[in-house]
Amino acid sequence: MRTPIAVALALVPILACAAWAEDAAPKTRDFGAGVTLEQSISLAEVARHPDRYTGNPVLVEGRVTDLCMKKGCWTVLTEGAYTMRVRFHDYGFFLPKDAMGARALVEGIAEVRTLSEREARHYASESRDGDPNAIEGPQREVGFVATGVRLLPEG
């Protein structure tokens, strides 16, 4: 018969391995108000038909393919051939520069807007590979104002 101490000592390595496995598991990182919606809509669907999704919160998923290199105050998500600039509600949170390339869930409101040449050049100047001089005239953009972002672990 094992004593309670022997049983407890036998469990120590098992518990330590479980704790290590939990710490080693990739974790999500939330920004802003986080993600509360459970059902996502394809970024491509929102980009193709933005008027269907303006006014009500939606959840989209994409890969971070560009990011404000100064503060992280906006990002661009991509899914296939579709891209969408994501700004953060009330300038209330930012993404870290290490978010580049990450998969992300973004919750917020889709919008269609026209950027002035000046604003479009500003975004290009903050972009990783932007060329402000290539911008001519106003630019129509399907965008997104996010209340929360969840960066997903690769896997």
Protein backbone atom coordinates (compact mmCIF):
# COMPACT_ATOMS: atom_id res chain seq x y z
CA MET A 1 0.00 0.00 0.00
CA ARG A 2 1.34 3.42 -0.94
CA THR A 3 1.39 6.19 1.57
CA PRO A 4 -0.20 9.55 0.73
CA ILE A 5 3.29 11.09 0.57
CA ALA A 6 4.45 8.48 -1.96
CA VAL A 7 1.37 9.10 -4.09
CA ALA A 8 1.91 12.88 -3.91
CA LEU A 9 5.57 12.51 -4.88
CA ALA A 10 4.62 10.26 -7.80
CA LEU A 11 2.25 12.96 -9.08
CA VAL A 12 4.83 15.77 -9.02
CA PRO A 13 6.44 14.87 -12.38
CA ILE A 14 3.03 14.40 -14.00
CA LEU A 15 1.78 17.77 -12.77
CA ALA A 16 5.04 19.46 -13.78
CA CYS A 17 4.73 18.04 -17.32
CA ALA A 18 1.12 19.20 -17.55
CA ALA A 19 2.10 22.70 -16.43
CA TRP A 20 5.00 22.76 -18.91
CA ALA A 21 2.73 21.61 -21.74
CA GLU A 22 0.22 24.35 -20.88
CA ASP A 23 2.99 26.98 -20.85
CA ALA A 24 4.44 25.65 -24.12
CA ALA A 25 1.11 25.73 -25.95
CA PRO A 26 0.82 28.67 -28.34
CA LYS A 27 -1.38 31.40 -26.96
CA THR A 28 -3.68 33.92 -28.56
CA ARG A 29 -3.15 37.62 -27.85
CA ASP A 30 -6.10 39.99 -27.56
CA PHE A 31 -6.08 43.74 -28.14
CA GLY A 32 -8.76 46.34 -27.61
CA ALA A 33 -12.07 44.97 -26.33
CA GLY A 34 -11.12 41.49 -27.54
CA VAL A 35 -13.29 39.23 -29.66
CA THR A 36 -16.85 38.50 -28.54
CA LEU A 37 -18.49 37.20 -31.74
CA GLU A 38 -18.20 33.49 -32.46
CA GLN A 39 -19.13 33.24 -36.14
CA SER A 40 -16.72 34.79 -38.63
CA ILE A 41 -17.44 35.99 -42.15
CA SER A 42 -14.86 35.62 -44.89
CA LEU A 43 -12.79 38.76 -45.43
CA ALA A 44 -13.25 38.16 -49.15
CA GLU A 45 -17.04 38.19 -48.72
CA VAL A 46 -16.94 41.48 -46.78
CA ALA A 47 -14.55 43.02 -49.34
CA ARG A 48 -16.78 41.96 -52.28
CA HIS A 49 -20.03 43.15 -50.67
CA PRO A 50 -19.12 45.71 -47.99
CA ASP A 51 -22.54 47.41 -48.01
CA ARG A 52 -24.07 44.21 -46.63
CA TYR A 53 -21.84 44.42 -43.56
CA THR A 54 -21.71 48.12 -42.68
CA GLY A 55 -23.51 49.19 -39.54
CA ASN A 56 -23.39 45.89 -37.63
CA PRO A 57 -20.41 44.26 -35.94
CA VAL A 58 -18.84 41.37 -37.81
CA LEU A 59 -15.86 39.09 -37.25
CA VAL A 60 -13.38 38.53 -40.08
CA GLU A 61 -10.16 36.55 -40.28
CA GLY A 62 -7.09 37.29 -42.34
CA ARG A 63 -3.32 37.52 -42.32
CA VAL A 64 -1.59 40.72 -41.21
CA THR A 65 0.30 41.77 -44.34
CA ASP A 66 1.01 45.39 -43.51
CA LEU A 67 1.12 47.42 -40.35
CA CYS A 68 1.81 51.00 -39.36
CA MET A 69 5.55 50.95 -38.79
CA LYS A 70 5.42 54.00 -36.52
CA LYS A 71 2.86 53.06 -33.85
CA GLY A 72 0.93 49.99 -34.98
CA CYS A 73 -2.18 52.19 -35.25
CA TRP A 74 -3.55 50.43 -38.36
CA THR A 75 -3.03 47.15 -40.14
CA VAL A 76 -3.92 45.51 -43.44
CA LEU A 77 -5.48 42.05 -43.46
CA THR A 78 -5.32 39.85 -46.53
CA GLU A 79 -7.25 36.79 -47.61
CA GLY A 80 -6.33 35.59 -51.08
CA ALA A 81 -6.60 38.52 -53.49
CA TYR A 82 -8.60 40.65 -51.04
CA THR A 83 -7.19 43.20 -48.61
CA MET A 84 -8.76 45.42 -46.01
CA ARG A 85 -7.23 48.26 -43.99
CA VAL A 86 -8.15 47.97 -40.33
CA ARG A 87 -8.12 51.02 -38.11
CA PHE A 88 -8.69 50.79 -34.38
CA HIS A 89 -11.79 52.28 -32.77
CA ASP A 90 -11.14 55.74 -31.26
CA TYR A 91 -7.39 55.18 -31.75
CA GLY A 92 -7.81 53.19 -28.53
CA PHE A 93 -5.29 50.40 -29.06
CA PHE A 94 -2.44 49.40 -31.34
CA LEU A 95 -0.84 46.19 -32.59
CA PRO A 96 2.80 45.36 -31.93
CA LYS A 97 5.14 45.24 -34.91
CA ASP A 98 5.69 41.52 -34.31
CA ALA A 99 2.08 40.98 -35.46
CA MET A 100 3.30 41.16 -39.08
CA GLY A 101 2.48 37.86 -40.78
CA ALA A 102 0.15 36.64 -38.00
CA ARG A 103 -3.34 35.30 -38.57
CA ALA A 104 -5.87 37.55 -36.87
CA LEU A 105 -9.53 37.65 -35.98
CA VAL A 106 -10.84 41.20 -36.14
CA GLU A 107 -14.20 42.31 -34.77
CA GLY A 108 -15.77 45.61 -35.75
CA ILE A 109 -17.64 47.49 -38.44
CA ALA A 110 -16.92 47.37 -42.18
CA GLU A 111 -16.91 50.68 -44.03
CA VAL A 112 -16.47 52.05 -47.51
CA ARG A 113 -14.63 55.35 -47.59
CA THR A 114 -12.80 57.63 -49.93
CA LEU A 115 -9.35 58.63 -48.76
CA SER A 116 -8.04 61.99 -49.83
CA GLU A 117 -4.74 61.90 -51.70
CA ARG A 118 -3.09 63.37 -48.61
CA GLU A 119 -4.49 60.67 -46.28
CA ALA A 120 -3.61 57.87 -48.74
CA ARG A 121 -0.05 59.21 -48.99
CA HIS A 122 0.14 59.36 -45.20
CA TYR A 123 -0.79 55.66 -44.95
CA ALA A 124 1.75 54.82 -47.66
CA SER A 125 4.48 56.69 -45.77
CA GLU A 126 3.81 54.59 -42.64
CA SER A 127 3.57 51.33 -44.57
CA ARG A 128 6.31 48.74 -44.66
CA ASP A 129 6.78 49.03 -48.44
CA GLY A 130 4.64 52.07 -49.23
CA ASP A 131 5.48 54.65 -51.86
CA PRO A 132 3.65 57.92 -51.14
CA ASN A 133 4.70 59.31 -54.53
CA ALA A 134 2.78 56.55 -56.30
CA ILE A 135 -0.53 57.84 -54.89
CA GLU A 136 -2.49 60.11 -57.21
CA GLY A 137 -5.90 61.48 -56.35
CA PRO A 138 -8.55 60.18 -53.97
CA GLN A 139 -8.58 56.45 -53.23
CA ARG A 140 -11.71 54.36 -52.58
CA GLU A 141 -11.14 51.83 -49.83
CA VAL A 142 -13.10 49.05 -48.19
CA GLY A 143 -11.97 49.25 -44.62
CA PHE A 144 -12.78 48.16 -41.14
CA VAL A 145 -12.95 49.88 -37.76
CA ALA A 146 -12.01 47.27 -35.18
CA THR A 147 -13.10 47.19 -31.57
CA GLY A 148 -11.02 44.09 -30.88
CA VAL A 149 -8.30 41.97 -32.42
CA ARG A 150 -7.14 38.44 -31.56
CA LEU A 151 -3.78 37.35 -32.94
CA LEU A 152 -3.84 33.59 -33.48
CA PRO A 153 -0.99 31.17 -32.87
CA GLU A 154 0.46 29.49 -35.95
CA GLY A 155 -0.22 25.84 -36.16
